Amino acid sequence: MTFVACPFQADYPEQREGQPPSCRISIDNVARELVPQIRAAFGVRAYIDVLYREYIGSDLTNPAYGPVQFELRNIQMTGPTLAGTVIEKNLQNKRFPRTTKNYDYQRFPSLLS
């Protein structure tokens, strides 16, 4: 999979008890090659994954923060502008403190209680 960096506008994530952080996002000038894929995702009601990474201008080799994975929902496409809501994906199973392990019921049976 090839990643394409693109500028976007987003509100600060809203935090509510019992719900994952979410915010509105807007992407202008969506590339022509992405439009058919976005329309196909509309047709099957699939979510679009969004990865957020922050880089420091002095070191563009590795992200200084992230990646954080979001799902893009409630999408509206108006001309070349895509707008929707991003919600942090699978927050309850977030890898902590290790990035190579997920919490699951097989390894952590007390999660079923």
PDB file of N, CA and C in Angstrom:
ATOM      1  N   MET A   1       0.843  -1.169   0.000  1.00  0.00           N
ATOM      2  CA  MET A   1       0.000   0.000   0.000  1.00  0.00           C
ATOM      3  C   MET A   1       0.891   1.235   0.000  1.00  0.00           C
ATOM      4  N   THR A   2       0.586   2.190  -0.855  1.00  0.00           N
ATOM      5  CA  THR A   2       1.334   3.426  -0.929  1.00  0.00           C
ATOM      6  C   THR A   2       0.574   4.508  -0.166  1.00  0.00           C
ATOM      7  N   PHE A   3       1.283   5.225   0.684  1.00  0.00           N
ATOM      8  CA  PHE A   3       0.674   6.296   1.445  1.00  0.00           C
ATOM      9  C   PHE A   3       0.897   7.613   0.719  1.00  0.00           C
ATOM     10  N   VAL A   4      -0.119   8.440   0.732  1.00  0.00           N
ATOM     11  CA  VAL A   4      -0.034   9.751   0.113  1.00  0.00           C
ATOM     12  C   VAL A   4      -0.317  10.790   1.190  1.00  0.00           C
ATOM     13  N   ALA A   5       0.635  11.674   1.400  1.00  0.00           N
ATOM     14  CA  ALA A   5       0.433  12.740   2.375  1.00  0.00           C
ATOM     15  C   ALA A   5      -0.471  13.792   1.757  1.00  0.00           C
ATOM     16  N   CYS A   6      -1.373  14.339   2.571  1.00  0.00           N
ATOM     17  CA  CYS A   6      -2.247  15.391   2.058  1.00  0.00           C
ATOM     18  C   CYS A   6      -2.592  16.358   3.186  1.00  0.00           C
ATOM     19  N   PRO A   7      -2.707  17.631   2.848  1.00  0.00           N
ATOM     20  CA  PRO A   7      -3.104  18.613   3.873  1.00  0.00           C
ATOM     21  C   PRO A   7      -4.582  18.455   4.211  1.00  0.00           C
ATOM     22  N   PHE A   8      -4.924  18.757   5.445  1.00  0.00           N
ATOM     23  CA  PHE A   8      -6.308  18.640   5.886  1.00  0.00           C
ATOM     24  C   PHE A   8      -6.569  19.652   6.984  1.00  0.00           C
ATOM     25  N   GLN A   9      -7.838  19.844   7.304  1.00  0.00           N
ATOM     26  CA  GLN A   9      -8.245  20.678   8.429  1.00  0.00           C
ATOM     27  C   GLN A   9      -9.040  19.801   9.380  1.00  0.00           C
ATOM     28  N   ALA A  10      -8.807  19.983  10.676  1.00  0.00           N
ATOM     29  CA  ALA A  10      -9.534  19.182  11.663  1.00  0.00           C
ATOM     30  C   ALA A  10      -9.751  19.994  12.921  1.00  0.00           C
ATOM     31  N   ASP A  11     -10.865  19.728  13.579  1.00  0.00           N
ATOM     32  CA  ASP A  11     -11.124  20.306  14.888  1.00  0.00           C
ATOM     33  C   ASP A  11     -10.306  19.533  15.916  1.00  0.00           C
ATOM     34  N   TYR A  12     -10.207  20.085  17.117  1.00  0.00           N
ATOM     35  CA  TYR A  12      -9.566  19.356  18.205  1.00  0.00           C
ATOM     36  C   TYR A  12     -10.482  18.196  18.596  1.00  0.00           C
ATOM     37  N   PRO A  13      -9.940  16.989  18.841  1.00  0.00           N
ATOM     38  CA  PRO A  13     -10.796  15.832  19.152  1.00  0.00           C
ATOM     39  C   PRO A  13     -11.689  16.080  20.366  1.00  0.00           C
ATOM     40  N   GLU A  14     -12.943  15.719  20.181  1.00  0.00           N
ATOM     41  CA  GLU A  14     -13.932  15.840  21.239  1.00  0.00           C
ATOM     42  C   GLU A  14     -13.812  14.631  22.156  1.00  0.00           C
ATOM     43  N   GLN A  15     -13.816  14.856  23.462  1.00  0.00           N
ATOM     44  CA  GLN A  15     -13.681  13.765  24.428  1.00  0.00           C
ATOM     45  C   GLN A  15     -14.940  13.711  25.282  1.00  0.00           C
ATOM     46  N   ARG A  16     -15.652  12.581  25.196  1.00  0.00           N
ATOM     47  CA  ARG A  16     -16.848  12.372  26.010  1.00  0.00           C
ATOM     48  C   ARG A  16     -16.723  11.045  26.729  1.00  0.00           C
ATOM     49  N   GLU A  17     -17.267  10.996  27.921  1.00  0.00           N
ATOM     50  CA  GLU A  17     -17.183   9.779  28.712  1.00  0.00           C
ATOM     51  C   GLU A  17     -17.900   8.635  28.002  1.00  0.00           C
ATOM     52  N   GLY A  18     -17.221   7.488  27.930  1.00  0.00           N
ATOM     53  CA  GLY A  18     -17.801   6.295  27.330  1.00  0.00           C
ATOM     54  C   GLY A  18     -17.741   6.245  25.823  1.00  0.00           C
ATOM     55  N   GLN A  19     -17.118   7.246  25.188  1.00  0.00           N
ATOM     56  CA  GLN A  19     -17.010   7.269  23.733  1.00  0.00           C
ATOM     57  C   GLN A  19     -15.576   7.558  23.325  1.00  0.00           C
ATOM     58  N   PRO A  20     -15.137   6.991  22.208  1.00  0.00           N
ATOM     59  CA  PRO A  20     -13.772   7.274  21.750  1.00  0.00           C
ATOM     60  C   PRO A  20     -13.657   8.707  21.248  1.00  0.00           C
ATOM     61  N   PRO A  21     -12.444   9.299  21.304  1.00  0.00           N
ATOM     62  CA  PRO A  21     -12.257  10.650  20.784  1.00  0.00           C
ATOM     63  C   PRO A  21     -12.646  10.730  19.312  1.00  0.00           C
ATOM     64  N   SER A  22     -13.290  11.838  18.931  1.00  0.00           N
ATOM     65  CA  SER A  22     -13.677  12.032  17.542  1.00  0.00           C
ATOM     66  C   SER A  22     -13.588  13.506  17.185  1.00  0.00           C
ATOM     67  N   CYS A  23     -13.473  13.789  15.891  1.00  0.00           N
ATOM     68  CA  CYS A  23     -13.464  15.170  15.426  1.00  0.00           C
ATOM     69  C   CYS A  23     -13.864  15.216  13.958  1.00  0.00           C
ATOM     70  N   ARG A  24     -14.232  16.405  13.493  1.00  0.00           N
ATOM     71  CA  ARG A  24     -14.562  16.625  12.090  1.00  0.00           C
ATOM     72  C   ARG A  24     -13.266  16.876  11.331  1.00  0.00           C
ATOM     73  N   ILE A  25     -13.204  16.368  10.111  1.00  0.00           N
ATOM     74  CA  ILE A  25     -12.029  16.535   9.271  1.00  0.00           C
ATOM     75  C   ILE A  25     -12.492  16.934   7.874  1.00  0.00           C
ATOM     76  N   SER A  26     -11.693  17.745   7.211  1.00  0.00           N
ATOM     77  CA  SER A  26     -11.998  18.189   5.856  1.00  0.00           C
ATOM     78  C   SER A  26     -10.720  18.123   5.027  1.00  0.00           C
ATOM     79  N   ILE A  27     -10.811  17.509   3.863  1.00  0.00           N
ATOM     80  CA  ILE A  27      -9.669  17.378   2.959  1.00  0.00           C
ATOM     81  C   ILE A  27     -10.053  18.030   1.637  1.00  0.00           C
ATOM     82  N   ASP A  28      -9.322  19.073   1.257  1.00  0.00           N
ATOM     83  CA  ASP A  28      -9.574  19.765  -0.009  1.00  0.00           C
ATOM     84  C   ASP A  28      -8.778  19.125  -1.132  1.00  0.00           C
ATOM     85  N   ASN A  29      -9.265  19.296  -2.356  1.00  0.00           N
ATOM     86  CA  ASN A  29      -8.572  18.831  -3.563  1.00  0.00           C
ATOM     87  C   ASN A  29      -8.218  17.352  -3.499  1.00  0.00           C
ATOM     88  N   VAL A  30      -9.208  16.524  -3.187  1.00  0.00           N
ATOM     89  CA  VAL A  30      -8.994  15.083  -3.140  1.00  0.00           C
ATOM     90  C   VAL A  30      -8.552  14.613  -4.527  1.00  0.00           C
ATOM     91  N   ALA A  31      -7.483  13.857  -4.563  1.00  0.00           N
ATOM     92  CA  ALA A  31      -6.901  13.422  -5.837  1.00  0.00           C
ATOM     93  C   ALA A  31      -7.901  12.630  -6.670  1.00  0.00           C
ATOM     94  N   ARG A  32      -7.858  12.824  -7.991  1.00  0.00           N
ATOM     95  CA  ARG A  32      -8.794  12.149  -8.898  1.00  0.00           C
ATOM     96  C   ARG A  32      -8.736  10.637  -8.794  1.00  0.00           C
ATOM     97  N   GLU A  33      -7.549  10.087  -8.543  1.00  0.00           N
ATOM     98  CA  GLU A  33      -7.438   8.628  -8.474  1.00  0.00           C
ATOM     99  C   GLU A  33      -8.094   8.054  -7.224  1.00  0.00           C
ATOM    100  N   LEU A  34      -8.353   8.890  -6.209  1.00  0.00           N
ATOM    101  CA  LEU A  34      -9.001   8.404  -4.990  1.00  0.00           C
ATOM    102  C   LEU A  34     -10.523   8.439  -5.069  1.00  0.00           C
ATOM    103  N   VAL A  35     -11.071   9.280  -5.907  1.00  0.00           N
ATOM    104  CA  VAL A  35     -12.526   9.448  -5.972  1.00  0.00           C
ATOM    105  C   VAL A  35     -13.247   8.130  -6.262  1.00  0.00           C
ATOM    106  N   PRO A  36     -12.828   7.309  -7.250  1.00  0.00           N
ATOM    107  CA  PRO A  36     -13.530   6.042  -7.472  1.00  0.00           C
ATOM    108  C   PRO A  36     -13.484   5.114  -6.249  1.00  0.00           C
ATOM    109  N   GLN A  37     -12.371   5.111  -5.531  1.00  0.00           N
ATOM    110  CA  GLN A  37     -12.262   4.260  -4.345  1.00  0.00           C
ATOM    111  C   GLN A  37     -13.171   4.757  -3.228  1.00  0.00           C
ATOM    112  N   ILE A  38     -13.281   6.064  -3.085  1.00  0.00           N
ATOM    113  CA  ILE A  38     -14.159   6.637  -2.065  1.00  0.00           C
ATOM    114  C   ILE A  38     -15.614   6.323  -2.397  1.00  0.00           C
ATOM    115  N   ARG A  39     -15.989   6.476  -3.655  1.00  0.00           N
ATOM    116  CA  ARG A  39     -17.365   6.174  -4.067  1.00  0.00           C
ATOM    117  C   ARG A  39     -17.673   4.680  -3.896  1.00  0.00           C
ATOM    118  N   ALA A  40     -16.687   3.812  -4.156  1.00  0.00           N
ATOM    119  CA  ALA A  40     -16.885   2.368  -3.945  1.00  0.00           C
ATOM    120  C   ALA A  40     -17.091   2.072  -2.458  1.00  0.00           C
ATOM    121  N   ALA A  41     -16.357   2.771  -1.584  1.00  0.00           N
ATOM    122  CA  ALA A  41     -16.532   2.589  -0.140  1.00  0.00           C
ATOM    123  C   ALA A  41     -17.928   3.030   0.287  1.00  0.00           C
ATOM    124  N   PHE A  42     -18.461   4.103  -0.328  1.00  0.00           N
ATOM    125  CA  PHE A  42     -19.839   4.516  -0.046  1.00  0.00           C
ATOM    126  C   PHE A  42     -20.804   3.391  -0.368  1.00  0.00           C
ATOM    127  N   GLY A  43     -20.583   2.719  -1.501  1.00  0.00           N
ATOM    128  CA  GLY A  43     -21.499   1.688  -1.993  1.00  0.00           C
ATOM    129  C   GLY A  43     -21.614   0.490  -1.080  1.00  0.00           C
ATOM    130  N   VAL A  44     -20.549   0.134  -0.383  1.00  0.00           N
ATOM    131  CA  VAL A  44     -20.582  -1.029   0.507  1.00  0.00           C
ATOM    132  C   VAL A  44     -20.587  -0.622   1.982  1.00  0.00           C
ATOM    133  N   ARG A  45     -20.748   0.668   2.224  1.00  0.00           N
ATOM    134  CA  ARG A  45     -20.758   1.211   3.585  1.00  0.00           C
ATOM    135  C   ARG A  45     -19.505   0.837   4.371  1.00  0.00           C
ATOM    136  N   ALA A  46     -18.368   0.891   3.719  1.00  0.00           N
ATOM    137  CA  ALA A  46     -17.098   0.578   4.362  1.00  0.00           C
ATOM    138  C   ALA A  46     -16.487   1.860   4.939  1.00  0.00           C
ATOM    139  N   TYR A  47     -15.745   1.709   6.024  1.00  0.00           N
ATOM    140  CA  TYR A  47     -15.049   2.842   6.602  1.00  0.00           C
ATOM    141  C   TYR A  47     -13.698   2.997   5.921  1.00  0.00           C
ATOM    142  N   ILE A  48     -13.228   4.212   5.861  1.00  0.00           N
ATOM    143  CA  ILE A  48     -11.920   4.509   5.286  1.00  0.00           C
ATOM    144  C   ILE A  48     -10.957   4.705   6.444  1.00  0.00           C
ATOM    145  N   ASP A  49      -9.822   4.013   6.405  1.00  0.00           N
ATOM    146  CA  ASP A  49      -8.810   4.171   7.443  1.00  0.00           C
ATOM    147  C   ASP A  49      -7.986   5.415   7.170  1.00  0.00           C
ATOM    148  N   VAL A  50      -7.743   6.185   8.228  1.00  0.00           N
ATOM    149  CA  VAL A  50      -6.922   7.385   8.155  1.00  0.00           C
ATOM    150  C   VAL A  50      -5.798   7.209   9.163  1.00  0.00           C
ATOM    151  N   LEU A  51      -4.560   7.366   8.714  1.00  0.00           N
ATOM    152  CA  LEU A  51      -3.414   7.313   9.617  1.00  0.00           C
ATOM    153  C   LEU A  51      -2.883   8.721   9.816  1.00  0.00           C
ATOM    154  N   TYR A  52      -2.692   9.096  11.064  1.00  0.00           N
ATOM    155  CA  TYR A  52      -2.176  10.425  11.390  1.00  0.00           C
ATOM    156  C   TYR A  52      -0.767  10.272  11.938  1.00  0.00           C
ATOM    157  N   ARG A  53       0.157  11.011  11.347  1.00  0.00           N
ATOM    158  CA  ARG A  53       1.552  11.022  11.797  1.00  0.00           C
ATOM    159  C   ARG A  53       2.027  12.462  11.832  1.00  0.00           C
ATOM    160  N   GLU A  54       2.847  12.784  12.818  1.00  0.00           N
ATOM    161  CA  GLU A  54       3.462  14.110  12.894  1.00  0.00           C
ATOM    162  C   GLU A  54       4.956  13.969  12.663  1.00  0.00           C
ATOM    163  N   TYR A  55       5.487  14.859  11.847  1.00  0.00           N
ATOM    164  CA  TYR A  55       6.920  14.879  11.567  1.00  0.00           C
ATOM    165  C   TYR A  55       7.501  16.210  12.016  1.00  0.00           C
ATOM    166  N   ILE A  56       8.767  16.177  12.393  1.00  0.00           N
ATOM    167  CA  ILE A  56       9.508  17.387  12.707  1.00  0.00           C
ATOM    168  C   ILE A  56      10.238  17.799  11.434  1.00  0.00           C
ATOM    169  N   GLY A  57      10.191  19.084  11.096  1.00  0.00           N
ATOM    170  CA  GLY A  57      10.781  19.575   9.855  1.00  0.00           C
ATOM    171  C   GLY A  57      12.259  19.256   9.718  1.00  0.00           C
ATOM    172  N   SER A  58      12.979  19.134  10.826  1.00  0.00           N
ATOM    173  CA  SER A  58      14.411  18.859  10.757  1.00  0.00           C
ATOM    174  C   SER A  58      14.724  17.373  10.566  1.00  0.00           C
ATOM    175  N   ASP A  59      13.716  16.480  10.760  1.00  0.00           N
ATOM    176  CA  ASP A  59      13.925  15.050  10.580  1.00  0.00           C
ATOM    177  C   ASP A  59      12.664  14.422   9.984  1.00  0.00           C
ATOM    178  N   LEU A  60      12.634  14.287   8.669  1.00  0.00           N
ATOM    179  CA  LEU A  60      11.471  13.733   7.989  1.00  0.00           C
ATOM    180  C   LEU A  60      11.583  12.232   7.753  1.00  0.00           C
ATOM    181  N   THR A  61      12.605  11.588   8.348  1.00  0.00           N
ATOM    182  CA  THR A  61      12.806  10.152   8.132  1.00  0.00           C
ATOM    183  C   THR A  61      11.836   9.298   8.945  1.00  0.00           C
ATOM    184  N   ASN A  62      11.471   9.738  10.151  1.00  0.00           N
ATOM    185  CA  ASN A  62      10.575   8.983  11.018  1.00  0.00           C
ATOM    186  C   ASN A  62       9.567   9.916  11.665  1.00  0.00           C
ATOM    187  N   PRO A  63       8.368   9.423  11.937  1.00  0.00           N
ATOM    188  CA  PRO A  63       7.394  10.275  12.622  1.00  0.00           C
ATOM    189  C   PRO A  63       7.851  10.593  14.043  1.00  0.00           C
ATOM    190  N   ALA A  64       7.614  11.826  14.469  1.00  0.00           N
ATOM    191  CA  ALA A  64       7.889  12.209  15.851  1.00  0.00           C
ATOM    192  C   ALA A  64       6.742  11.770  16.752  1.00  0.00           C
ATOM    193  N   TYR A  65       5.549  11.609  16.159  1.00  0.00           N
ATOM    194  CA  TYR A  65       4.370  11.168  16.898  1.00  0.00           C
ATOM    195  C   TYR A  65       3.507  10.332  15.962  1.00  0.00           C
ATOM    196  N   GLY A  66       3.021   9.219  16.475  1.00  0.00           N
ATOM    197  CA  GLY A  66       2.120   8.391  15.670  1.00  0.00           C
ATOM    198  C   GLY A  66       2.829   7.182  15.101  1.00  0.00           C
ATOM    199  N   PRO A  67       2.174   6.430  14.281  1.00  0.00           N
ATOM    200  CA  PRO A  67       0.874   6.710  13.686  1.00  0.00           C
ATOM    201  C   PRO A  67      -0.277   6.385  14.625  1.00  0.00           C
ATOM    202  N   VAL A  68      -1.334   7.166  14.495  1.00  0.00           N
ATOM    203  CA  VAL A  68      -2.587   6.923  15.184  1.00  0.00           C
ATOM    204  C   VAL A  68      -3.599   6.581  14.099  1.00  0.00           C
ATOM    205  N   GLN A  69      -4.316   5.481  14.275  1.00  0.00           N
ATOM    206  CA  GLN A  69      -5.242   5.020  13.245  1.00  0.00           C
ATOM    207  C   GLN A  69      -6.666   5.453  13.588  1.00  0.00           C
ATOM    208  N   PHE A  70      -7.331   6.034  12.604  1.00  0.00           N
ATOM    209  CA  PHE A  70      -8.709   6.490  12.745  1.00  0.00           C
ATOM    210  C   PHE A  70      -9.571   5.848  11.674  1.00  0.00           C
ATOM    211  N   GLU A  71     -10.872   5.828  11.915  1.00  0.00           N
ATOM    212  CA  GLU A  71     -11.855   5.446  10.897  1.00  0.00           C
ATOM    213  C   GLU A  71     -12.597   6.702  10.493  1.00  0.00           C
ATOM    214  N   LEU A  72     -12.720   6.916   9.182  1.00  0.00           N
ATOM    215  CA  LEU A  72     -13.454   8.061   8.656  1.00  0.00           C
ATOM    216  C   LEU A  72     -14.896   7.634   8.444  1.00  0.00           C
ATOM    217  N   ARG A  73     -15.836   8.334   9.104  1.00  0.00           N
ATOM    218  CA  ARG A  73     -17.261   7.994   9.037  1.00  0.00           C
ATOM    219  C   ARG A  73     -18.064   9.228   8.655  1.00  0.00           C
ATOM    220  N   ASN A  74     -19.332   9.012   8.355  1.00  0.00           N
ATOM    221  CA  ASN A  74     -20.242  10.120   8.019  1.00  0.00           C
ATOM    222  C   ASN A  74     -19.638  11.023   6.951  1.00  0.00           C
ATOM    223  N   ILE A  75     -19.260  10.420   5.848  1.00  0.00           N
ATOM    224  CA  ILE A  75     -18.529  11.119   4.797  1.00  0.00           C
ATOM    225  C   ILE A  75     -19.485  11.854   3.864  1.00  0.00           C
ATOM    226  N   GLN A  76     -19.099  13.083   3.528  1.00  0.00           N
ATOM    227  CA  GLN A  76     -19.786  13.838   2.486  1.00  0.00           C
ATOM    228  C   GLN A  76     -18.728  14.290   1.490  1.00  0.00           C
ATOM    229  N   MET A  77     -19.032  14.126   0.222  1.00  0.00           N
ATOM    230  CA  MET A  77     -18.104  14.540  -0.835  1.00  0.00           C
ATOM    231  C   MET A  77     -18.802  15.631  -1.632  1.00  0.00           C
ATOM    232  N   THR A  78     -18.251  16.828  -1.597  1.00  0.00           N
ATOM    233  CA  THR A  78     -18.792  17.956  -2.331  1.00  0.00           C
ATOM    234  C   THR A  78     -17.702  18.468  -3.259  1.00  0.00           C
ATOM    235  N   GLY A  79     -17.861  18.209  -4.562  1.00  0.00           N
ATOM    236  CA  GLY A  79     -16.816  18.575  -5.517  1.00  0.00           C
ATOM    237  C   GLY A  79     -15.527  17.874  -5.142  1.00  0.00           C
ATOM    238  N   PRO A  80     -14.422  18.610  -5.053  1.00  0.00           N
ATOM    239  CA  PRO A  80     -13.150  17.987  -4.692  1.00  0.00           C
ATOM    240  C   PRO A  80     -12.887  17.941  -3.187  1.00  0.00           C
ATOM    241  N   THR A  81     -13.894  18.291  -2.368  1.00  0.00           N
ATOM    242  CA  THR A  81     -13.712  18.333  -0.916  1.00  0.00           C
ATOM    243  C   THR A  81     -14.406  17.154  -0.251  1.00  0.00           C
ATOM    244  N   LEU A  82     -13.666  16.470   0.613  1.00  0.00           N
ATOM    245  CA  LEU A  82     -14.176  15.344   1.383  1.00  0.00           C
ATOM    246  C   LEU A  82     -14.258  15.798   2.837  1.00  0.00           C
ATOM    247  N   ALA A  83     -15.385  15.560   3.480  1.00  0.00           N
ATOM    248  CA  ALA A  83     -15.547  15.919   4.886  1.00  0.00           C
ATOM    249  C   ALA A  83     -16.178  14.741   5.610  1.00  0.00           C
ATOM    250  N   GLY A  84     -15.844  14.594   6.872  1.00  0.00           N
ATOM    251  CA  GLY A  84     -16.409  13.505   7.657  1.00  0.00           C
ATOM    252  C   GLY A  84     -15.944  13.584   9.100  1.00  0.00           C
ATOM    253  N   THR A  85     -16.255  12.539   9.843  1.00  0.00           N
ATOM    254  CA  THR A  85     -15.871  12.435  11.246  1.00  0.00           C
ATOM    255  C   THR A  85     -14.853  11.320  11.386  1.00  0.00           C
ATOM    256  N   VAL A  86     -13.748  11.602  12.076  1.00  0.00           N
ATOM    257  CA  VAL A  86     -12.775  10.548  12.351  1.00  0.00           C
ATOM    258  C   VAL A  86     -12.901  10.141  13.809  1.00  0.00           C
ATOM    259  N   ILE A  87     -12.864   8.822  14.039  1.00  0.00           N
ATOM    260  CA  ILE A  87     -12.962   8.239  15.369  1.00  0.00           C
ATOM    261  C   ILE A  87     -11.773   7.317  15.558  1.00  0.00           C
ATOM    262  N   GLU A  88     -11.121   7.428  16.714  1.00  0.00           N
ATOM    263  CA  GLU A  88      -9.958   6.574  16.957  1.00  0.00           C
ATOM    264  C   GLU A  88     -10.390   5.122  16.903  1.00  0.00           C
ATOM    265  N   LYS A  89      -9.648   4.355  16.123  1.00  0.00           N
ATOM    266  CA  LYS A  89     -10.017   2.965  15.842  1.00  0.00           C
ATOM    267  C   LYS A  89      -9.586   2.042  16.974  1.00  0.00           C
ATOM    268  N   ASN A  90     -10.519   1.219  17.433  1.00  0.00           N
ATOM    269  CA  ASN A  90     -10.237   0.138  18.363  1.00  0.00           C
ATOM    270  C   ASN A  90      -9.488   0.610  19.611  1.00  0.00           C
ATOM    271  N   LEU A  91      -9.958   1.682  20.218  1.00  0.00           N
ATOM    272  CA  LEU A  91      -9.266   2.273  21.366  1.00  0.00           C
ATOM    273  C   LEU A  91      -9.191   1.315  22.550  1.00  0.00           C
ATOM    274  N   GLN A  92     -10.231   0.496  22.764  1.00  0.00           N
ATOM    275  CA  GLN A  92     -10.238  -0.388  23.932  1.00  0.00           C
ATOM    276  C   GLN A  92      -9.176  -1.482  23.837  1.00  0.00           C
ATOM    277  N   ASN A  93      -8.697  -1.812  22.637  1.00  0.00           N
ATOM    278  CA  ASN A  93      -7.662  -2.827  22.488  1.00  0.00           C
ATOM    279  C   ASN A  93      -6.304  -2.215  22.140  1.00  0.00           C
ATOM    280  N   LYS A  94      -6.136  -0.955  22.441  1.00  0.00           N
ATOM    281  CA  LYS A  94      -4.886  -0.250  22.114  1.00  0.00           C
ATOM    282  C   LYS A  94      -3.706  -0.946  22.777  1.00  0.00           C
ATOM    283  N   ARG A  95      -2.634  -1.031  22.045  1.00  0.00           N
ATOM    284  CA  ARG A  95      -1.435  -1.697  22.542  1.00  0.00           C
ATOM    285  C   ARG A  95      -0.765  -0.850  23.618  1.00  0.00           C
ATOM    286  N   PHE A  96      -0.691  -1.402  24.806  1.00  0.00           N
ATOM    287  CA  PHE A  96      -0.064  -0.698  25.911  1.00  0.00           C
ATOM    288  C   PHE A  96       0.496  -1.708  26.878  1.00  0.00           C
ATOM    289  N   PRO A  97       1.681  -1.605  27.359  1.00  0.00           N
ATOM    290  CA  PRO A  97       2.683  -0.608  27.004  1.00  0.00           C
ATOM    291  C   PRO A  97       3.520  -1.022  25.790  1.00  0.00           C
ATOM    292  N   ARG A  98       3.290  -2.199  25.267  1.00  0.00           N
ATOM    293  CA  ARG A  98       4.098  -2.701  24.161  1.00  0.00           C
ATOM    294  C   ARG A  98       3.380  -2.485  22.844  1.00  0.00           C
ATOM    295  N   THR A  99       4.128  -2.194  21.810  1.00  0.00           N
ATOM    296  CA  THR A  99       3.517  -1.976  20.508  1.00  0.00           C
ATOM    297  C   THR A  99       3.395  -3.257  19.708  1.00  0.00           C
ATOM    298  N   THR A 100       3.887  -4.379  20.269  1.00  0.00           N
ATOM    299  CA  THR A 100       3.841  -5.638  19.530  1.00  0.00           C
ATOM    300  C   THR A 100       2.773  -6.589  20.043  1.00  0.00           C
ATOM    301  N   LYS A 101       2.055  -6.206  21.090  1.00  0.00           N
ATOM    302  CA  LYS A 101       1.053  -7.089  21.702  1.00  0.00           C
ATOM    303  C   LYS A 101      -0.287  -6.377  21.797  1.00  0.00           C
ATOM    304  N   ASN A 102      -1.359  -7.103  21.559  1.00  0.00           N
ATOM    305  CA  ASN A 102      -2.713  -6.607  21.769  1.00  0.00           C
ATOM    306  C   ASN A 102      -3.318  -7.337  22.947  1.00  0.00           C
ATOM    307  N   TYR A 103      -4.211  -6.652  23.674  1.00  0.00           N
ATOM    308  CA  TYR A 103      -4.965  -7.320  24.714  1.00  0.00           C
ATOM    309  C   TYR A 103      -6.058  -8.144  24.039  1.00  0.00           C
ATOM    310  N   ASP A 104      -6.170  -9.401  24.411  1.00  0.00           N
ATOM    311  CA  ASP A 104      -7.228 -10.244  23.869  1.00  0.00           C
ATOM    312  C   ASP A 104      -7.706 -11.192  24.964  1.00  0.00           C
ATOM    313  N   TYR A 105      -8.849 -11.827  24.723  1.00  0.00           N
ATOM    314  CA  TYR A 105      -9.452 -12.701  25.733  1.00  0.00           C
ATOM    315  C   TYR A 105      -8.679 -13.995  25.948  1.00  0.00           C
ATOM    316  N   GLN A 106      -7.937 -14.449  24.947  1.00  0.00           N
ATOM    317  CA  GLN A 106      -7.164 -15.682  25.099  1.00  0.00           C
ATOM    318  C   GLN A 106      -5.992 -15.497  26.062  1.00  0.00           C
ATOM    319  N   ARG A 107      -5.276 -14.406  25.924  1.00  0.00           N
ATOM    320  CA  ARG A 107      -4.103 -14.161  26.774  1.00  0.00           C
ATOM    321  C   ARG A 107      -4.475 -13.479  28.104  1.00  0.00           C
ATOM    322  N   PHE A 108      -5.616 -12.782  28.128  1.00  0.00           N
ATOM    323  CA  PHE A 108      -6.049 -12.061  29.318  1.00  0.00           C
ATOM    324  C   PHE A 108      -7.502 -12.422  29.629  1.00  0.00           C
ATOM    325  N   PRO A 109      -7.749 -13.658  30.150  1.00  0.00           N
ATOM    326  CA  PRO A 109      -9.123 -14.124  30.369  1.00  0.00           C
ATOM    327  C   PRO A 109      -9.901 -13.271  31.366  1.00  0.00           C
ATOM    328  N   SER A 110      -9.222 -12.538  32.223  1.00  0.00           N
ATOM    329  CA  SER A 110      -9.955 -11.714  33.203  1.00  0.00           C
ATOM    330  C   SER A 110     -10.698 -10.564  32.530  1.00  0.00           C
ATOM    331  N   LEU A 111     -10.421 -10.285  31.267  1.00  0.00           N
ATOM    332  CA  LEU A 111     -11.161  -9.241  30.555  1.00  0.00           C
ATOM    333  C   LEU A 111     -12.619  -9.622  30.353  1.00  0.00           C
ATOM    334  N   LEU A 112     -12.935 -10.920  30.439  1.00  0.00           N
ATOM    335  CA  LEU A 112     -14.314 -11.380  30.256  1.00  0.00           C
ATOM    336  C   LEU A 112     -15.176 -11.091  31.469  1.00  0.00           C
ATOM    337  N   SER A 113     -14.582 -10.832  32.627  1.00  0.00           N
ATOM    338  CA  SER A 113     -15.336 -10.623  33.874  1.00  0.00           C
ATOM    339  C   SER A 113     -16.099  -9.331  33.860  1.00  0.00           C
TER     340      SER A 113
END
